[in-house]
């Protein structure tokens, strides 16, 4: 997992590349807010390894992450909330994972 502020796409992508060079097969990035979600398209386009968005508290960030092209989403159902909102994203595959065969 990266330790950068994901909203800083350049720093996050540099850390993703360093992790990949060190042997990481997959990298997780925190997506705590809309600014971080806005940086995901740039990061997802250039990542050398599958990228997983780590989502807490707001299911809409998961939807934004999937639309940005991340390969997967890690969500903590214990703090995502209840009701129709969290059910909306269920079953939506990460399109990149479906195309590449990675999960």
PDB file of N, CA and C in Angstrom:
ATOM      1  N   UNK A   1       0.841  -1.177   0.000  1.00  0.00           N
ATOM      2  CA  UNK A   1       0.000   0.000   0.000  1.00  0.00           C
ATOM      3  C   UNK A   1       0.885   1.238   0.000  1.00  0.00           C
ATOM      4  N   UNK A   2       0.435   2.225  -0.763  1.00  0.00           N
ATOM      5  CA  UNK A   2       1.200   3.468  -0.799  1.00  0.00           C
ATOM      6  C   UNK A   2       0.990   4.256   0.488  1.00  0.00           C
ATOM      7  N   UNK A   3       1.918   5.151   0.754  1.00  0.00           N
ATOM      8  CA  UNK A   3       1.816   6.015   1.928  1.00  0.00           C
ATOM      9  C   UNK A   3       1.670   7.482   1.535  1.00  0.00           C
ATOM     10  N   UNK A   4       1.580   7.739   0.251  1.00  0.00           N
ATOM     11  CA  UNK A   4       1.425   9.105  -0.241  1.00  0.00           C
ATOM     12  C   UNK A   4      -0.022   9.561  -0.105  1.00  0.00           C
ATOM     13  N   UNK A   5      -0.234  10.846  -0.276  1.00  0.00           N
ATOM     14  CA  UNK A   5      -1.583  11.371  -0.428  1.00  0.00           C
ATOM     15  C   UNK A   5      -1.988  11.043  -1.869  1.00  0.00           C
ATOM     16  N   UNK A   6      -2.995  10.228  -2.058  1.00  0.00           N
ATOM     17  CA  UNK A   6      -3.356   9.768  -3.399  1.00  0.00           C
ATOM     18  C   UNK A   6      -3.725  10.928  -4.312  1.00  0.00           C
ATOM     19  N   UNK A   7      -4.214  12.010  -3.760  1.00  0.00           N
ATOM     20  CA  UNK A   7      -4.533  13.189  -4.564  1.00  0.00           C
ATOM     21  C   UNK A   7      -3.297  13.725  -5.286  1.00  0.00           C
ATOM     22  N   UNK A   8      -2.118  13.445  -4.772  1.00  0.00           N
ATOM     23  CA  UNK A   8      -0.859  13.813  -5.429  1.00  0.00           C
ATOM     24  C   UNK A   8      -0.506  12.672  -6.382  1.00  0.00           C
ATOM     25  N   UNK A   9      -1.046  12.744  -7.588  1.00  0.00           N
ATOM     26  CA  UNK A   9      -0.907  11.647  -8.551  1.00  0.00           C
ATOM     27  C   UNK A   9       0.551  11.344  -8.876  1.00  0.00           C
ATOM     28  N   UNK A  10       1.372  12.357  -9.047  1.00  0.00           N
ATOM     29  CA  UNK A  10       2.773  12.134  -9.418  1.00  0.00           C
ATOM     30  C   UNK A  10       3.514  11.376  -8.317  1.00  0.00           C
ATOM     31  N   UNK A  11       3.342  11.798  -7.072  1.00  0.00           N
ATOM     32  CA  UNK A  11       4.016  11.130  -5.955  1.00  0.00           C
ATOM     33  C   UNK A  11       3.490   9.710  -5.767  1.00  0.00           C
ATOM     34  N   UNK A  12       2.186   9.543  -5.911  1.00  0.00           N
ATOM     35  CA  UNK A  12       1.593   8.219  -5.739  1.00  0.00           C
ATOM     36  C   UNK A  12       2.059   7.284  -6.832  1.00  0.00           C
ATOM     37  N   UNK A  13       2.072   7.753  -8.059  1.00  0.00           N
ATOM     38  CA  UNK A  13       2.526   6.916  -9.167  1.00  0.00           C
ATOM     39  C   UNK A  13       4.008   6.564  -9.020  1.00  0.00           C
ATOM     40  N   UNK A  14       4.813   7.482  -8.530  1.00  0.00           N
ATOM     41  CA  UNK A  14       6.232   7.182  -8.297  1.00  0.00           C
ATOM     42  C   UNK A  14       6.363   6.074  -7.258  1.00  0.00           C
ATOM     43  N   UNK A  15       5.535   6.123  -6.224  1.00  0.00           N
ATOM     44  CA  UNK A  15       5.600   5.092  -5.198  1.00  0.00           C
ATOM     45  C   UNK A  15       5.062   3.755  -5.724  1.00  0.00           C
ATOM     46  N   UNK A  16       4.021   3.792  -6.543  1.00  0.00           N
ATOM     47  CA  UNK A  16       3.505   2.562  -7.159  1.00  0.00           C
ATOM     48  C   UNK A  16       4.600   1.916  -7.999  1.00  0.00           C
ATOM     49  N   UNK A  17       5.283   2.710  -8.792  1.00  0.00           N
ATOM     50  CA  UNK A  17       6.377   2.174  -9.630  1.00  0.00           C
ATOM     51  C   UNK A  17       7.496   1.593  -8.775  1.00  0.00           C
ATOM     52  N   UNK A  18       7.848   2.277  -7.693  1.00  0.00           N
ATOM     53  CA  UNK A  18       8.908   1.774  -6.805  1.00  0.00           C
ATOM     54  C   UNK A  18       8.487   0.447  -6.165  1.00  0.00           C
ATOM     55  N   UNK A  19       7.248   0.347  -5.764  1.00  0.00           N
ATOM     56  CA  UNK A  19       6.752  -0.905  -5.186  1.00  0.00           C
ATOM     57  C   UNK A  19       6.772  -2.028  -6.222  1.00  0.00           C
ATOM     58  N   UNK A  20       6.397  -1.705  -7.446  1.00  0.00           N
ATOM     59  CA  UNK A  20       6.425  -2.709  -8.516  1.00  0.00           C
ATOM     60  C   UNK A  20       7.859  -3.168  -8.783  1.00  0.00           C
ATOM     61  N   UNK A  21       8.785  -2.226  -8.817  1.00  0.00           N
ATOM     62  CA  UNK A  21      10.193  -2.575  -9.037  1.00  0.00           C
ATOM     63  C   UNK A  21      10.741  -3.424  -7.895  1.00  0.00           C
ATOM     64  N   UNK A  22      10.192  -3.242  -6.699  1.00  0.00           N
ATOM     65  CA  UNK A  22      10.627  -4.026  -5.538  1.00  0.00           C
ATOM     66  C   UNK A  22       9.969  -5.402  -5.498  1.00  0.00           C
ATOM     67  N   UNK A  23       9.046  -5.651  -6.445  1.00  0.00           N
ATOM     68  CA  UNK A  23       8.437  -6.969  -6.541  1.00  0.00           C
ATOM     69  C   UNK A  23       6.962  -7.057  -6.204  1.00  0.00           C
ATOM     70  N   UNK A  24       6.318  -5.941  -5.919  1.00  0.00           N
ATOM     71  CA  UNK A  24       4.883  -5.982  -5.617  1.00  0.00           C
ATOM     72  C   UNK A  24       4.114  -6.406  -6.862  1.00  0.00           C
ATOM     73  N   UNK A  25       3.172  -7.321  -6.671  1.00  0.00           N
ATOM     74  CA  UNK A  25       2.329  -7.780  -7.773  1.00  0.00           C
ATOM     75  C   UNK A  25       1.065  -6.958  -7.906  1.00  0.00           C
ATOM     76  N   UNK A  26       0.698  -6.281  -6.853  1.00  0.00           N
ATOM     77  CA  UNK A  26      -0.516  -5.467  -6.797  1.00  0.00           C
ATOM     78  C   UNK A  26      -0.277  -4.374  -5.767  1.00  0.00           C
ATOM     79  N   UNK A  27      -0.868  -3.205  -5.987  1.00  0.00           N
ATOM     80  CA  UNK A  27      -0.661  -2.091  -5.055  1.00  0.00           C
ATOM     81  C   UNK A  27      -2.019  -1.487  -4.697  1.00  0.00           C
ATOM     82  N   UNK A  28      -2.169  -1.184  -3.416  1.00  0.00           N
ATOM     83  CA  UNK A  28      -3.398  -0.587  -2.906  1.00  0.00           C
ATOM     84  C   UNK A  28      -3.129   0.876  -2.594  1.00  0.00           C
ATOM     85  N   UNK A  29      -4.087   1.732  -2.942  1.00  0.00           N
ATOM     86  CA  UNK A  29      -3.999   3.161  -2.649  1.00  0.00           C
ATOM     87  C   UNK A  29      -5.229   3.583  -1.852  1.00  0.00           C
ATOM     88  N   UNK A  30      -5.046   4.474  -0.910  1.00  0.00           N
ATOM     89  CA  UNK A  30      -6.159   4.990  -0.117  1.00  0.00           C
ATOM     90  C   UNK A  30      -6.945   6.001  -0.937  1.00  0.00           C
ATOM     91  N   UNK A  31      -8.268   5.915  -0.828  1.00  0.00           N
ATOM     92  CA  UNK A  31      -9.137   6.880  -1.501  1.00  0.00           C
ATOM     93  C   UNK A  31     -10.096   7.439  -0.442  1.00  0.00           C
ATOM     94  N   UNK A  32      -9.590   8.383   0.362  1.00  0.00           N
ATOM     95  CA  UNK A  32     -10.389   8.897   1.475  1.00  0.00           C
ATOM     96  C   UNK A  32     -11.370  10.007   1.106  1.00  0.00           C
ATOM     97  N   UNK A  33     -11.192  10.593  -0.105  1.00  0.00           N
ATOM     98  CA  UNK A  33     -12.033  11.744  -0.441  1.00  0.00           C
ATOM     99  C   UNK A  33     -12.098  11.951  -1.949  1.00  0.00           C
ATOM    100  N   UNK A  34     -12.865  12.944  -2.360  1.00  0.00           N
ATOM    101  CA  UNK A  34     -13.066  13.221  -3.780  1.00  0.00           C
ATOM    102  C   UNK A  34     -11.772  13.636  -4.481  1.00  0.00           C
ATOM    103  N   UNK A  35     -10.881  14.329  -3.789  1.00  0.00           N
ATOM    104  CA  UNK A  35      -9.607  14.723  -4.401  1.00  0.00           C
ATOM    105  C   UNK A  35      -8.772  13.502  -4.759  1.00  0.00           C
ATOM    106  N   UNK A  36      -8.748  12.525  -3.884  1.00  0.00           N
ATOM    107  CA  UNK A  36      -8.014  11.287  -4.169  1.00  0.00           C
ATOM    108  C   UNK A  36      -8.664  10.551  -5.332  1.00  0.00           C
ATOM    109  N   UNK A  37      -9.989  10.491  -5.343  1.00  0.00           N
ATOM    110  CA  UNK A  37     -10.699   9.819  -6.435  1.00  0.00           C
ATOM    111  C   UNK A  37     -10.430  10.512  -7.774  1.00  0.00           C
ATOM    112  N   UNK A  38     -10.318  11.826  -7.752  1.00  0.00           N
ATOM    113  CA  UNK A  38     -10.059  12.583  -8.982  1.00  0.00           C
ATOM    114  C   UNK A  38      -8.686  12.280  -9.565  1.00  0.00           C
ATOM    115  N   UNK A  39      -7.742  11.872  -8.741  1.00  0.00           N
ATOM    116  CA  UNK A  39      -6.389  11.550  -9.211  1.00  0.00           C
ATOM    117  C   UNK A  39      -6.289  10.140  -9.782  1.00  0.00           C
ATOM    118  N   UNK A  40      -7.270   9.289  -9.523  1.00  0.00           N
ATOM    119  CA  UNK A  40      -7.179   7.885  -9.934  1.00  0.00           C
ATOM    120  C   UNK A  40      -7.076   7.647 -11.439  1.00  0.00           C
ATOM    121  N   UNK A  41      -7.777   8.390 -12.298  1.00  0.00           N
ATOM    122  CA  UNK A  41      -7.621   8.108 -13.727  1.00  0.00           C
ATOM    123  C   UNK A  41      -6.168   8.222 -14.205  1.00  0.00           C
ATOM    124  N   UNK A  42      -5.483   9.262 -13.763  1.00  0.00           N
ATOM    125  CA  UNK A  42      -4.077   9.444 -14.142  1.00  0.00           C
ATOM    126  C   UNK A  42      -3.216   8.302 -13.613  1.00  0.00           C
ATOM    127  N   UNK A  43      -3.441   7.922 -12.376  1.00  0.00           N
ATOM    128  CA  UNK A  43      -2.657   6.845 -11.765  1.00  0.00           C
ATOM    129  C   UNK A  43      -2.969   5.518 -12.444  1.00  0.00           C
ATOM    130  N   UNK A  44      -4.243   5.237 -12.661  1.00  0.00           N
ATOM    131  CA  UNK A  44      -4.647   3.958 -13.254  1.00  0.00           C
ATOM    132  C   UNK A  44      -4.114   3.795 -14.676  1.00  0.00           C
ATOM    133  N   UNK A  45      -4.069   4.879 -15.434  1.00  0.00           N
ATOM    134  CA  UNK A  45      -3.554   4.815 -16.816  1.00  0.00           C
ATOM    135  C   UNK A  45      -2.084   4.423 -16.868  1.00  0.00           C
ATOM    136  N   UNK A  46      -1.324   4.828 -15.863  1.00  0.00           N
ATOM    137  CA  UNK A  46       0.129   4.659 -15.919  1.00  0.00           C
ATOM    138  C   UNK A  46       0.680   3.582 -14.985  1.00  0.00           C
ATOM    139  N   UNK A  47      -0.160   2.940 -14.214  1.00  0.00           N
ATOM    140  CA  UNK A  47       0.344   1.965 -13.246  1.00  0.00           C
ATOM    141  C   UNK A  47       0.933   0.729 -13.930  1.00  0.00           C
ATOM    142  N   UNK A  48       2.081   0.261 -13.465  1.00  0.00           N
ATOM    143  CA  UNK A  48       2.684  -0.938 -14.051  1.00  0.00           C
ATOM    144  C   UNK A  48       2.127  -2.247 -13.467  1.00  0.00           C
ATOM    145  N   UNK A  49       1.337  -2.154 -12.389  1.00  0.00           N
ATOM    146  CA  UNK A  49       0.753  -3.334 -11.730  1.00  0.00           C
ATOM    147  C   UNK A  49      -0.723  -3.043 -11.454  1.00  0.00           C
ATOM    148  N   UNK A  50      -1.522  -4.085 -11.205  1.00  0.00           N
ATOM    149  CA  UNK A  50      -2.918  -3.841 -10.852  1.00  0.00           C
ATOM    150  C   UNK A  50      -3.037  -2.938  -9.622  1.00  0.00           C
ATOM    151  N   UNK A  51      -4.013  -2.054  -9.685  1.00  0.00           N
ATOM    152  CA  UNK A  51      -4.222  -1.050  -8.656  1.00  0.00           C
ATOM    153  C   UNK A  51      -5.547  -1.318  -7.941  1.00  0.00           C
ATOM    154  N   UNK A  52      -5.520  -1.305  -6.614  1.00  0.00           N
ATOM    155  CA  UNK A  52      -6.718  -1.515  -5.811  1.00  0.00           C
ATOM    156  C   UNK A  52      -6.988  -0.245  -5.005  1.00  0.00           C
ATOM    157  N   UNK A  53      -8.214   0.244  -5.089  1.00  0.00           N
ATOM    158  CA  UNK A  53      -8.618   1.431  -4.337  1.00  0.00           C
ATOM    159  C   UNK A  53      -9.174   0.997  -2.985  1.00  0.00           C
ATOM    160  N   UNK A  54      -8.646   1.558  -1.919  1.00  0.00           N
ATOM    161  CA  UNK A  54      -9.065   1.250  -0.547  1.00  0.00           C
ATOM    162  C   UNK A  54     -10.087   2.304  -0.124  1.00  0.00           C
ATOM    163  N   UNK A  55     -11.335   1.879   0.010  1.00  0.00           N
ATOM    164  CA  UNK A  55     -12.447   2.797   0.261  1.00  0.00           C
ATOM    165  C   UNK A  55     -12.998   2.608   1.673  1.00  0.00           C
ATOM    166  N   UNK A  56     -13.255   3.722   2.342  1.00  0.00           N
ATOM    167  CA  UNK A  56     -13.921   3.721   3.650  1.00  0.00           C
ATOM    168  C   UNK A  56     -14.981   4.815   3.652  1.00  0.00           C
ATOM    169  N   UNK A  57     -16.095   4.537   4.265  1.00  0.00           N
ATOM    170  CA  UNK A  57     -17.127   5.508   4.603  1.00  0.00           C
ATOM    171  C   UNK A  57     -18.036   5.980   3.468  1.00  0.00           C
ATOM    172  N   UNK A  58     -17.597   6.046   2.225  1.00  0.00           N
ATOM    173  CA  UNK A  58     -18.434   6.617   1.165  1.00  0.00           C
ATOM    174  C   UNK A  58     -18.410   5.723  -0.070  1.00  0.00           C
ATOM    175  N   UNK A  59     -19.494   4.999  -0.295  1.00  0.00           N
ATOM    176  CA  UNK A  59     -19.574   4.071  -1.424  1.00  0.00           C
ATOM    177  C   UNK A  59     -19.397   4.776  -2.764  1.00  0.00           C
ATOM    178  N   UNK A  60     -19.721   6.066  -2.826  1.00  0.00           N
ATOM    179  CA  UNK A  60     -19.595   6.805  -4.097  1.00  0.00           C
ATOM    180  C   UNK A  60     -18.149   6.884  -4.551  1.00  0.00           C
ATOM    181  N   UNK A  61     -17.206   6.855  -3.609  1.00  0.00           N
ATOM    182  CA  UNK A  61     -15.789   6.837  -3.982  1.00  0.00           C
ATOM    183  C   UNK A  61     -15.437   5.530  -4.681  1.00  0.00           C
ATOM    184  N   UNK A  62     -16.086   4.434  -4.296  1.00  0.00           N
ATOM    185  CA  UNK A  62     -15.871   3.150  -4.967  1.00  0.00           C
ATOM    186  C   UNK A  62     -16.346   3.229  -6.413  1.00  0.00           C
ATOM    187  N   UNK A  63     -17.490   3.853  -6.627  1.00  0.00           N
ATOM    188  CA  UNK A  63     -18.003   4.007  -7.991  1.00  0.00           C
ATOM    189  C   UNK A  63     -17.054   4.862  -8.836  1.00  0.00           C
ATOM    190  N   UNK A  64     -16.549   5.935  -8.246  1.00  0.00           N
ATOM    191  CA  UNK A  64     -15.596   6.792  -8.956  1.00  0.00           C
ATOM    192  C   UNK A  64     -14.308   6.035  -9.268  1.00  0.00           C
ATOM    193  N   UNK A  65     -13.855   5.217  -8.326  1.00  0.00           N
ATOM    194  CA  UNK A  65     -12.626   4.445  -8.530  1.00  0.00           C
ATOM    195  C   UNK A  65     -12.794   3.463  -9.682  1.00  0.00           C
ATOM    196  N   UNK A  66     -13.921   2.782  -9.724  1.00  0.00           N
ATOM    197  CA  UNK A  66     -14.170   1.837 -10.814  1.00  0.00           C
ATOM    198  C   UNK A  66     -14.250   2.566 -12.152  1.00  0.00           C
ATOM    199  N   UNK A  67     -14.918   3.704 -12.171  1.00  0.00           N
ATOM    200  CA  UNK A  67     -15.008   4.491 -13.407  1.00  0.00           C
ATOM    201  C   UNK A  67     -13.631   4.993 -13.836  1.00  0.00           C
ATOM    202  N   UNK A  68     -12.739   5.189 -12.877  1.00  0.00           N
ATOM    203  CA  UNK A  68     -11.380   5.676 -13.177  1.00  0.00           C
ATOM    204  C   UNK A  68     -10.500   4.593 -13.777  1.00  0.00           C
ATOM    205  N   UNK A  69     -10.914   3.334 -13.651  1.00  0.00           N
ATOM    206  CA  UNK A  69     -10.141   2.255 -14.253  1.00  0.00           C
ATOM    207  C   UNK A  69      -9.270   1.459 -13.311  1.00  0.00           C
ATOM    208  N   UNK A  70      -9.495   1.579 -11.992  1.00  0.00           N
ATOM    209  CA  UNK A  70      -8.715   0.738 -11.084  1.00  0.00           C
ATOM    210  C   UNK A  70      -9.088  -0.726 -11.319  1.00  0.00           C
ATOM    211  N   UNK A  71      -8.206  -1.608 -10.933  1.00  0.00           N
ATOM    212  CA  UNK A  71      -8.410  -3.041 -11.170  1.00  0.00           C
ATOM    213  C   UNK A  71      -9.279  -3.701 -10.120  1.00  0.00           C
ATOM    214  N   UNK A  72      -9.376  -3.084  -8.938  1.00  0.00           N
ATOM    215  CA  UNK A  72     -10.181  -3.649  -7.872  1.00  0.00           C
ATOM    216  C   UNK A  72     -10.471  -2.615  -6.808  1.00  0.00           C
ATOM    217  N   UNK A  73     -11.409  -2.956  -5.961  1.00  0.00           N
ATOM    218  CA  UNK A  73     -11.800  -2.072  -4.868  1.00  0.00           C
ATOM    219  C   UNK A  73     -11.817  -2.889  -3.586  1.00  0.00           C
ATOM    220  N   UNK A  74     -11.200  -2.360  -2.554  1.00  0.00           N
ATOM    221  CA  UNK A  74     -11.292  -2.955  -1.224  1.00  0.00           C
ATOM    222  C   UNK A  74     -12.188  -2.041  -0.415  1.00  0.00           C
ATOM    223  N   UNK A  75     -13.260  -2.577   0.080  1.00  0.00           N
ATOM    224  CA  UNK A  75     -14.154  -1.766   0.857  1.00  0.00           C
ATOM    225  C   UNK A  75     -14.419  -2.402   2.191  1.00  0.00           C
ATOM    226  N   UNK A  76     -14.504  -1.571   3.190  1.00  0.00           N
ATOM    227  CA  UNK A  76     -14.747  -2.044   4.536  1.00  0.00           C
ATOM    228  C   UNK A  76     -16.242  -1.922   4.806  1.00  0.00           C
ATOM    229  N   UNK A  77     -16.987  -3.041   4.717  1.00  0.00           N
ATOM    230  CA  UNK A  77     -18.435  -2.958   4.891  1.00  0.00           C
ATOM    231  C   UNK A  77     -18.852  -2.510   6.290  1.00  0.00           C
ATOM    232  N   UNK A  78     -17.966  -2.628   7.241  1.00  0.00           N
ATOM    233  CA  UNK A  78     -18.281  -2.197   8.592  1.00  0.00           C
ATOM    234  C   UNK A  78     -18.399  -0.695   8.741  1.00  0.00           C
ATOM    235  N   UNK A  79     -17.805   0.052   7.808  1.00  0.00           N
ATOM    236  CA  UNK A  79     -17.916   1.508   7.928  1.00  0.00           C
ATOM    237  C   UNK A  79     -18.422   2.162   6.648  1.00  0.00           C
ATOM    238  N   UNK A  80     -18.929   1.396   5.717  1.00  0.00           N
ATOM    239  CA  UNK A  80     -19.437   1.957   4.467  1.00  0.00           C
ATOM    240  C   UNK A  80     -20.860   2.475   4.634  1.00  0.00           C
ATOM    241  N   UNK A  81     -21.584   1.987   5.626  1.00  0.00           N
ATOM    242  CA  UNK A  81     -22.953   2.432   5.836  1.00  0.00           C
ATOM    243  C   UNK A  81     -23.929   1.363   5.409  1.00  0.00           C
ATOM    244  N   UNK A  82     -25.185   1.659   5.542  1.00  0.00           N
ATOM    245  CA  UNK A  82     -26.201   0.686   5.179  1.00  0.00           C
ATOM    246  C   UNK A  82     -27.204   1.314   4.231  1.00  0.00           C
ATOM    247  N   UNK A  83     -28.108   0.498   3.760  1.00  0.00           N
ATOM    248  CA  UNK A  83     -29.160   1.002   2.894  1.00  0.00           C
ATOM    249  C   UNK A  83     -28.836   0.831   1.428  1.00  0.00           C
ATOM    250  N   UNK A  84     -29.620   1.436   0.602  1.00  0.00           N
ATOM    251  CA  UNK A  84     -29.540   1.251  -0.841  1.00  0.00           C
ATOM    252  C   UNK A  84     -28.204   1.704  -1.419  1.00  0.00           C
ATOM    253  N   UNK A  85     -27.595   2.737  -0.848  1.00  0.00           N
ATOM    254  CA  UNK A  85     -26.355   3.266  -1.394  1.00  0.00           C
ATOM    255  C   UNK A  85     -25.272   2.228  -1.551  1.00  0.00           C
ATOM    256  N   UNK A  86     -25.003   1.471  -0.494  1.00  0.00           N
ATOM    257  CA  UNK A  86     -23.928   0.496  -0.580  1.00  0.00           C
ATOM    258  C   UNK A  86     -24.292  -0.670  -1.478  1.00  0.00           C
ATOM    259  N   UNK A  87     -25.567  -0.919  -1.690  1.00  0.00           N
ATOM    260  CA  UNK A  87     -25.985  -2.018  -2.564  1.00  0.00           C
ATOM    261  C   UNK A  87     -25.825  -1.644  -4.037  1.00  0.00           C
ATOM    262  N   UNK A  88     -25.798  -0.363  -4.356  1.00  0.00           N
ATOM    263  CA  UNK A  88     -25.719   0.084  -5.740  1.00  0.00           C
ATOM    264  C   UNK A  88     -24.476  -0.405  -6.469  1.00  0.00           C
ATOM    265  N   UNK A  89     -23.354  -0.400  -5.785  1.00  0.00           N
ATOM    266  CA  UNK A  89     -22.101  -0.746  -6.463  1.00  0.00           C
ATOM    267  C   UNK A  89     -21.897  -2.246  -6.540  1.00  0.00           C
ATOM    268  N   UNK A  90     -22.594  -3.020  -5.730  1.00  0.00           N
ATOM    269  CA  UNK A  90     -22.397  -4.469  -5.701  1.00  0.00           C
ATOM    270  C   UNK A  90     -22.627  -5.067  -7.074  1.00  0.00           C
ATOM    271  N   UNK A  91     -21.754  -5.925  -7.476  1.00  0.00           N
ATOM    272  CA  UNK A  91     -21.893  -6.591  -8.757  1.00  0.00           C
ATOM    273  C   UNK A  91     -21.300  -5.827  -9.912  1.00  0.00           C
ATOM    274  N   UNK A  92     -20.777  -4.644  -9.676  1.00  0.00           N
ATOM    275  CA  UNK A  92     -20.158  -3.874 -10.747  1.00  0.00           C
ATOM    276  C   UNK A  92     -18.691  -4.288 -10.851  1.00  0.00           C
ATOM    277  N   UNK A  93     -18.327  -4.980 -11.908  1.00  0.00           N
ATOM    278  CA  UNK A  93     -16.930  -5.430 -12.021  1.00  0.00           C
ATOM    279  C   UNK A  93     -16.009  -4.272 -12.384  1.00  0.00           C
ATOM    280  N   UNK A  94     -14.803  -4.395 -11.964  1.00  0.00           N
ATOM    281  CA  UNK A  94     -13.771  -3.471 -12.416  1.00  0.00           C
ATOM    282  C   UNK A  94     -13.443  -3.881 -13.842  1.00  0.00           C
ATOM    283  N   UNK A  95     -13.748  -3.029 -14.794  1.00  0.00           N
ATOM    284  CA  UNK A  95     -13.640  -3.426 -16.204  1.00  0.00           C
ATOM    285  C   UNK A  95     -12.247  -3.855 -16.597  1.00  0.00           C
ATOM    286  N   UNK A  96     -11.216  -3.219 -16.037  1.00  0.00           N
ATOM    287  CA  UNK A  96      -9.852  -3.610 -16.361  1.00  0.00           C
ATOM    288  C   UNK A  96      -9.539  -5.041 -15.918  1.00  0.00           C
ATOM    289  N   UNK A  97     -10.054  -5.413 -14.754  1.00  0.00           N
ATOM    290  CA  UNK A  97      -9.822  -6.762 -14.253  1.00  0.00           C
ATOM    291  C   UNK A  97     -10.509  -7.782 -15.152  1.00  0.00           C
ATOM    292  N   UNK A  98     -11.680  -7.419 -15.652  1.00  0.00           N
ATOM    293  CA  UNK A  98     -12.403  -8.347 -16.525  1.00  0.00           C
ATOM    294  C   UNK A  98     -11.653  -8.525 -17.839  1.00  0.00           C
ATOM    295  N   UNK A  99     -11.102  -7.447 -18.373  1.00  0.00           N
ATOM    296  CA  UNK A  99     -10.381  -7.536 -19.641  1.00  0.00           C
ATOM    297  C   UNK A  99      -9.055  -8.286 -19.496  1.00  0.00           C
ATOM    298  N   UNK A 100      -8.349  -8.038 -18.397  1.00  0.00           N
ATOM    299  CA  UNK A 100      -7.009  -8.610 -18.270  1.00  0.00           C
ATOM    300  C   UNK A 100      -7.001  -9.998 -17.637  1.00  0.00           C
ATOM    301  N   UNK A 101      -8.124 -10.373 -17.039  1.00  0.00           N
ATOM    302  CA  UNK A 101      -8.171 -11.669 -16.377  1.00  0.00           C
ATOM    303  C   UNK A 101      -7.652 -11.633 -14.956  1.00  0.00           C
ATOM    304  N   UNK A 102      -7.217 -10.461 -14.467  1.00  0.00           N
ATOM    305  CA  UNK A 102      -6.737 -10.363 -13.090  1.00  0.00           C
ATOM    306  C   UNK A 102      -7.917 -10.107 -12.179  1.00  0.00           C
ATOM    307  N   UNK A 103      -7.747 -10.453 -10.915  1.00  0.00           N
ATOM    308  CA  UNK A 103      -8.839 -10.216  -9.970  1.00  0.00           C
ATOM    309  C   UNK A 103      -8.358  -9.438  -8.784  1.00  0.00           C
TER     310      UNK A 103
END
